Every structure is written in structure tokens, then in C-alpha cells.
C-alpha atoms as a PDB file:
ATOM      1  CA  MET A   1       2.590 -10.366  23.211  1.00  0.00           C
ATOM      2  CA  THR A   2       4.885  -8.614  25.034  1.00  0.00           C
ATOM      3  CA  LYS A   3       1.963  -6.340  26.581  1.00  0.00           C
ATOM      4  CA  LEU A   4       0.809  -9.803  27.787  1.00  0.00           C
ATOM      5  CA  VAL A   5       4.218 -11.243  29.529  1.00  0.00           C
ATOM      6  CA  VAL A   6       4.785  -7.704  31.265  1.00  0.00           C
ATOM      7  CA  ALA A   7       1.119  -8.548  32.411  1.00  0.00           C
ATOM      8  CA  ALA A   8       1.601 -12.006  33.904  1.00  0.00           C
ATOM      9  CA  VAL A   9       5.003 -10.508  35.654  1.00  0.00           C
ATOM     10  CA  ALA A  10       2.983  -7.912  37.364  1.00  0.00           C
ATOM     11  CA  VAL A  11       0.234 -10.576  38.282  1.00  0.00           C
ATOM     12  CA  VAL A  12       2.544 -13.282  39.672  1.00  0.00           C
ATOM     13  CA  VAL A  13       4.018 -10.252  41.413  1.00  0.00           C
ATOM     14  CA  ALA A  14       1.069  -9.039  42.842  1.00  0.00           C
ATOM     15  CA  ALA A  15      -0.324 -12.710  44.136  1.00  0.00           C
ATOM     16  CA  GLU A  16       3.151 -12.911  45.978  1.00  0.00           C
ATOM     17  CA  VAL A  17       3.051  -9.474  47.728  1.00  0.00           C
ATOM     18  CA  CYS A  18      -0.185 -10.445  48.834  1.00  0.00           C
ATOM     19  CA  ALA A  19       0.717 -13.762  49.966  1.00  0.00           C
ATOM     20  CA  PHE A  20       3.579 -11.830  51.867  1.00  0.00           C
ATOM     21  CA  VAL A  21       1.307  -9.731  53.302  1.00  0.00           C
ATOM     22  CA  LEU A  22      -0.730 -12.074  55.322  1.00  0.00           C
ATOM     23  CA  LEU A  23       2.033 -13.805  56.247  1.00  0.00           C
ATOM     24  CA  ASP A  24       0.523 -17.145  55.249  1.00  0.00           C
ATOM     25  CA  ARG A  25       4.033 -19.354  53.271  1.00  0.00           C
ATOM     26  CA  ASP A  26       1.422 -21.574  51.744  1.00  0.00           C
ATOM     27  CA  LEU A  27      -1.259 -19.299  50.977  1.00  0.00           C
ATOM     28  CA  VAL A  28       2.018 -18.190  48.875  1.00  0.00           C
ATOM     29  CA  ILE A  29       2.714 -21.189  46.835  1.00  0.00           C
ATOM     30  CA  ALA A  30      -0.852 -20.970  46.304  1.00  0.00           C
ATOM     31  CA  ALA A  31      -1.903 -17.763  44.788  1.00  0.00           C
ATOM     32  CA  THR A  32       1.244 -17.514  42.431  1.00  0.00           C
ATOM     33  CA  GLY A  33       0.740 -21.045  40.731  1.00  0.00           C
ATOM     34  CA  VAL A  34      -3.181 -19.742  39.957  1.00  0.00           C
ATOM     35  CA  ALA A  35      -1.480 -16.539  38.700  1.00  0.00           C
ATOM     36  CA  LEU A  36       0.754 -18.519  36.645  1.00  0.00           C
ATOM     37  CA  VAL A  37      -1.717 -20.880  35.487  1.00  0.00           C
ATOM     38  CA  VAL A  38      -3.611 -18.197  34.491  1.00  0.00           C
ATOM     39  CA  VAL A  39      -1.365 -16.610  32.501  1.00  0.00           C
ATOM     40  CA  LEU A  40      -0.181 -19.464  30.985  1.00  0.00           C
ATOM     41  CA  LEU A  41      -3.332 -20.540  29.543  1.00  0.00           C
ATOM     42  CA  GLU A  42      -3.871 -17.276  27.931  1.00  0.00           C
ATOM     43  CA  VAL A  43      -0.362 -17.321  26.171  1.00  0.00           C
ATOM     44  CA  ARG A  44      -1.850 -20.553  25.111  1.00  0.00           C
ATOM     45  CA  ARG A  45      -5.071 -19.526  23.862  1.00  0.00           C
ATOM     46  CA  ARG A  46      -3.301 -16.315  22.421  1.00  0.00           C
ATOM     47  CA  LEU A  47      -0.656 -18.342  20.305  1.00  0.00           C
ATOM     48  CA  THR A  48      -3.276 -21.035  19.141  1.00  0.00           C
ATOM     49  CA  GLN A  49      -5.667 -17.916  17.773  1.00  0.00           C
ATOM     50  CA  ARG A  50      -3.090 -16.775  15.867  1.00  0.00           C
ATOM     51  CA  ALA A  51      -1.421 -20.218  14.590  1.00  0.00           C
ATOM     52  CA  ALA A  52      -5.239 -21.020  12.976  1.00  0.00           C
ATOM     53  CA  PRO A  53      -7.011 -18.057  11.651  1.00  0.00           C
ATOM     54  CA  ASP A  54     -10.558 -18.788  10.202  1.00  0.00           C
ATOM     55  CA  GLY A  55     -10.744 -19.503   6.764  1.00  0.00           C
ATOM     56  CA  ASP A  56     -12.728 -16.078   5.313  1.00  0.00           C
ATOM     57  CA  ASP A  57      -9.889 -14.223   6.916  1.00  0.00           C
ATOM     58  CA  VAL A  58      -7.634 -16.153   4.913  1.00  0.00           C
ATOM     59  CA  THR A  59      -6.225 -13.959   1.511  1.00  0.00           C
ATOM     60  CA  ASP A  60      -4.771 -15.142  -1.309  1.00  0.00           C
ATOM     61  CA  GLY A  61      -1.909 -12.428  -1.339  1.00  0.00           C
ATOM     62  CA  PRO A  62       0.250 -13.100  -4.352  1.00  0.00           C
ATOM     63  CA  ALA A  63      -3.311 -13.888  -6.106  1.00  0.00           C
ATOM     64  CA  MET A  64      -5.418 -11.117  -4.844  1.00  0.00           C
ATOM     65  CA  SER A  65      -2.633  -8.456  -5.723  1.00  0.00           C
ATOM     66  CA  LEU A  66      -2.250  -9.993  -9.543  1.00  0.00           C
ATOM     67  CA  GLN A  67      -6.329  -9.469  -9.716  1.00  0.00           C
ATOM     68  CA  ARG A  68      -5.757  -5.930  -8.521  1.00  0.00           C
ATOM     69  CA  TRP A  69      -3.110  -5.223 -10.965  1.00  0.00           C
ATOM     70  CA  LEU A  70      -5.116  -6.810 -14.204  1.00  0.00           C
ATOM     71  CA  SER A  71      -8.381  -4.738 -12.675  1.00  0.00           C
ATOM     72  CA  ARG A  72      -5.702  -1.580 -12.767  1.00  0.00           C
ATOM     73  CA  THR A  73      -4.959  -2.030 -16.309  1.00  0.00           C
ATOM     74  CA  GLU A  74      -8.068  -2.832 -17.329  1.00  0.00           C
ATOM     75  CA  THR A  75      -9.221   0.390 -16.125  1.00  0.00           C
ATOM     76  CA  LEU A  76      -6.075   1.704 -17.995  1.00  0.00           C
ATOM     77  CA  ILE A  77      -7.106   0.769 -21.109  1.00  0.00           C
ATOM     78  CA  SER A  78     -10.525   2.069 -21.099  1.00  0.00           C
ATOM     79  CA  TRP A  79      -9.256   5.607 -19.883  1.00  0.00           C
ATOM     80  CA  SER A  80      -6.743   5.596 -22.848  1.00  0.00           C
ATOM     81  CA  GLU A  81      -9.552   4.548 -25.348  1.00  0.00           C
ATOM     82  CA  SER A  82     -12.569   6.520 -24.069  1.00  0.00           C
ATOM     83  CA  SER A  83     -12.687  10.695 -23.793  1.00  0.00           C
ATOM     84  CA  ARG A  84      -9.771  13.087 -23.967  1.00  0.00           C
ATOM     85  CA  SER A  85     -11.292  14.307 -21.055  1.00  0.00           C
ATOM     86  CA  ASP A  86     -10.587  10.832 -19.152  1.00  0.00           C
ATOM     87  CA  TRP A  87      -7.386  11.127 -20.309  1.00  0.00           C
ATOM     88  CA  ASP A  88      -6.768  14.362 -19.273  1.00  0.00           C
ATOM     89  CA  ARG A  89      -7.865  13.815 -15.572  1.00  0.00           C
ATOM     90  CA  ARG A  90      -6.670  10.078 -15.417  1.00  0.00           C
ATOM     91  CA  LEU A  91      -3.900   9.066 -17.328  1.00  0.00           C
ATOM     92  CA  ARG A  92      -1.663  12.536 -17.688  1.00  0.00           C
ATOM     93  CA  PRO A  93      -1.017  12.835 -14.413  1.00  0.00           C
ATOM     94  CA  MET A  94       0.333   9.328 -13.472  1.00  0.00           C
ATOM     95  CA  LEU A  95       2.122   9.566 -16.683  1.00  0.00           C
ATOM     96  CA  ALA A  96       3.957  13.152 -16.197  1.00  0.00           C
ATOM     97  CA  ARG A  97       4.604  11.962 -12.129  1.00  0.00           C
ATOM     98  CA  GLN A  98       5.764   8.711 -13.365  1.00  0.00           C
ATOM     99  CA  PHE A  99       7.815  10.913 -16.607  1.00  0.00           C
ATOM    100  CA  GLU A 100       9.234  12.953 -13.636  1.00  0.00           C
ATOM    101  CA  LEU A 101      10.719  10.352 -11.391  1.00  0.00           C
ATOM    102  CA  ALA A 102      12.088   8.321 -14.250  1.00  0.00           C
ATOM    103  CA  ALA A 103      13.879  11.137 -15.969  1.00  0.00           C
ATOM    104  CA  GLY A 104      14.755  13.442 -12.634  1.00  0.00           C
ATOM    105  CA  GLN A 105      13.443  16.518 -14.342  1.00  0.00           C
ATOM    106  CA  ARG A 106      11.282  18.339 -12.139  1.00  0.00           C
ATOM    107  CA  LYS A 107       8.693  20.606 -13.667  1.00  0.00           C
ATOM    108  CA  ALA A 108       8.722  22.754 -11.004  1.00  0.00           C
ATOM    109  CA  LYS A 109      12.242  23.336 -10.995  1.00  0.00           C
ATOM    110  CA  ASP A 110      12.686  24.220 -14.808  1.00  0.00           C
ATOM    111  CA  PRO A 111       9.874  23.760 -17.040  1.00  0.00           C
ATOM    112  CA  ASN A 112      11.818  24.516 -19.982  1.00  0.00           C
ATOM    113  CA  ALA A 113      14.273  21.322 -19.297  1.00  0.00           C
ATOM    114  CA  PHE A 114      11.543  19.196 -18.513  1.00  0.00           C
ATOM    115  CA  ALA A 115       9.196  20.472 -21.806  1.00  0.00           C
ATOM    116  CA  THR A 116      12.363  19.469 -23.404  1.00  0.00           C
ATOM    117  CA  THR A 117      13.326  16.115 -22.153  1.00  0.00           C
ATOM    118  CA  GLY A 118       9.923  15.406 -22.897  1.00  0.00           C
ATOM    119  CA  ARG A 119      10.225  15.988 -26.379  1.00  0.00           C
ATOM    120  CA  MET A 120      13.533  14.052 -26.493  1.00  0.00           C
ATOM    121  CA  LEU A 121      12.141  11.014 -25.106  1.00  0.00           C
ATOM    122  CA  PHE A 122       8.502  10.593 -26.362  1.00  0.00           C
ATOM    123  CA  GLY A 123       9.322  12.478 -29.718  1.00  0.00           C
ATOM    124  CA  GLU A 124       7.002  15.603 -31.114  1.00  0.00           C
ATOM    125  CA  ARG A 125       3.861  12.543 -31.364  1.00  0.00           C
ATOM    126  CA  LEU A 126       3.766  11.590 -28.427  1.00  0.00           C
ATOM    127  CA  TRP A 127       4.605  14.551 -25.896  1.00  0.00           C
ATOM    128  CA  PRO A 128       1.365  16.070 -25.955  1.00  0.00           C
ATOM    129  CA  TRP A 129      -0.397  13.747 -24.238  1.00  0.00           C
ATOM    130  CA  VAL A 130       2.224  13.186 -21.472  1.00  0.00           C
ATOM    131  CA  ASP A 131       2.688  17.206 -21.263  1.00  0.00           C
ATOM    132  CA  PRO A 132       0.892  17.989 -17.909  1.00  0.00           C
ATOM    133  CA  ASP A 133       0.576  21.774 -19.228  1.00  0.00           C
ATOM    134  CA  ASN A 134      -1.873  20.232 -22.569  1.00  0.00           C
ATOM    135  CA  VAL A 135      -5.198  19.633 -20.969  1.00  0.00           C
ATOM    136  CA  SER A 136      -7.730  20.390 -23.055  1.00  0.00           C
ATOM    137  CA  ARG A 137     -10.912  22.413 -21.946  1.00  0.00           C
ATOM    138  CA  THR A 138     -13.195  20.710 -24.107  1.00  0.00           C
ATOM    139  CA  GLY A 139     -12.215  17.046 -23.938  1.00  0.00           C
ATOM    140  CA  THR A 140     -15.321  15.150 -23.332  1.00  0.00           C
ATOM    141  CA  THR A 141     -15.792  15.759 -27.345  1.00  0.00           C
ATOM    142  CA  GLU A 142     -12.451  14.983 -28.450  1.00  0.00           C
ATOM    143  CA  PRO A 143     -11.268  11.139 -28.927  1.00  0.00           C
ATOM    144  CA  GLY A 144      -8.747   9.932 -26.192  1.00  0.00           C
ATOM    145  CA  PRO A 145      -5.292   8.666 -28.756  1.00  0.00           C
ATOM    146  CA  GLY A 146      -5.915   5.040 -27.669  1.00  0.00           C
ATOM    147  CA  ARG A 147      -4.268   1.949 -26.014  1.00  0.00           C
ATOM    148  CA  GLY A 148      -1.490   2.003 -28.877  1.00  0.00           C
ATOM    149  CA  THR A 149      -0.500   5.210 -28.116  1.00  0.00           C
ATOM    150  CA  LEU A 150      -0.557   4.679 -24.501  1.00  0.00           C
ATOM    151  CA  ASP A 151       1.364   1.330 -25.143  1.00  0.00           C
ATOM    152  CA  GLU A 152       4.130   3.602 -26.844  1.00  0.00           C
ATOM    153  CA  ILE A 153       4.505   5.937 -24.345  1.00  0.00           C
ATOM    154  CA  LEU A 154       5.080   3.165 -21.306  1.00  0.00           C
ATOM    155  CA  ARG A 155       7.709   1.028 -23.242  1.00  0.00           C
ATOM    156  CA  ARG A 156       9.878   4.550 -23.579  1.00  0.00           C
ATOM    157  CA  LEU A 157       9.251   5.274 -20.172  1.00  0.00           C
ATOM    158  CA  GLU A 158      10.013   1.637 -19.451  1.00  0.00           C
ATOM    159  CA  ARG A 159      13.344   2.414 -21.475  1.00  0.00           C
ATOM    160  CA  LEU A 160      14.214   5.204 -19.494  1.00  0.00           C
END
């Protein structure tokens, strides 16, 4: 809209300059009036386009956001219930990153403190499923930990 207003002022000024150069006072009023009408019509057209978008372009923000969240949650649950390689590839990096952010312990800074904090928070049973260094090379045949383990890990992260 700012560009349109600047362009409109430039058109009106240009019309007045041309009319003054021709030294015809009646032409100044007519040229300025025509330029102003064109600019006002364009402003009106742009404002009505923004005010009335097409029905296809309108998206229900909260509903779409909830639908994306639900879909993502279902996908995460299915990955937790499939093979260990799916867990290692998709869930473990996300959980380790969330733990790193929530605990304030950076693995790159002090790996021992990171692992110790993880064991304290998750316990010996859950920490191996969050530990970013515990990736199995033969995980395609091993089962994933399941929904219960994912739920317990998320609960402990939430408490943190």
C-alpha cells in the first residue's frame, strides 16, 4: 500500500508538471483530476480485494493447526511402536534435542554431565531410549520401545 501511495503522488506531481510546462491552466486541473481519480480507483480496488478473499483461500487456522498436530502425534506414536531403527532415526534425535533444551545441558559442551543428567531424569530404564549415542546398527529387526515408553519420556520432559 505504501508503494501505491508513493506511486500515486508521483503520478499526480508528474501530471501537474506536464500541465505547467504546457502553460494551460485548464489542462492542469483536468490532468490532476484524472490522475487522482485513477489513483483512488486503484486504492479502492486493492482494498476491496483484501477485504473479500476467495472462499478457497480462507483456511481455518486453529482447526488446521490442530489437524497438523494430531497427524504429527499419530505419526510419532506409530514410529514408537514400530522398529528400533524408526525410533533411532526419527524419535531419538527429537527427544535428545528436547532434553538438551529443557535441561540446559549441552552434549557438545560436556558429554559426561549430559549423560549423568539424563540418567538422573529418566532413570536407567528410559535413558537408553533418549541417549543420542545409543543408536543400534541392527535396529531393523529389533522392536521399538512402544507407546508407553514414549509417554513416560514425554511426561518426564514435561516435568523438567
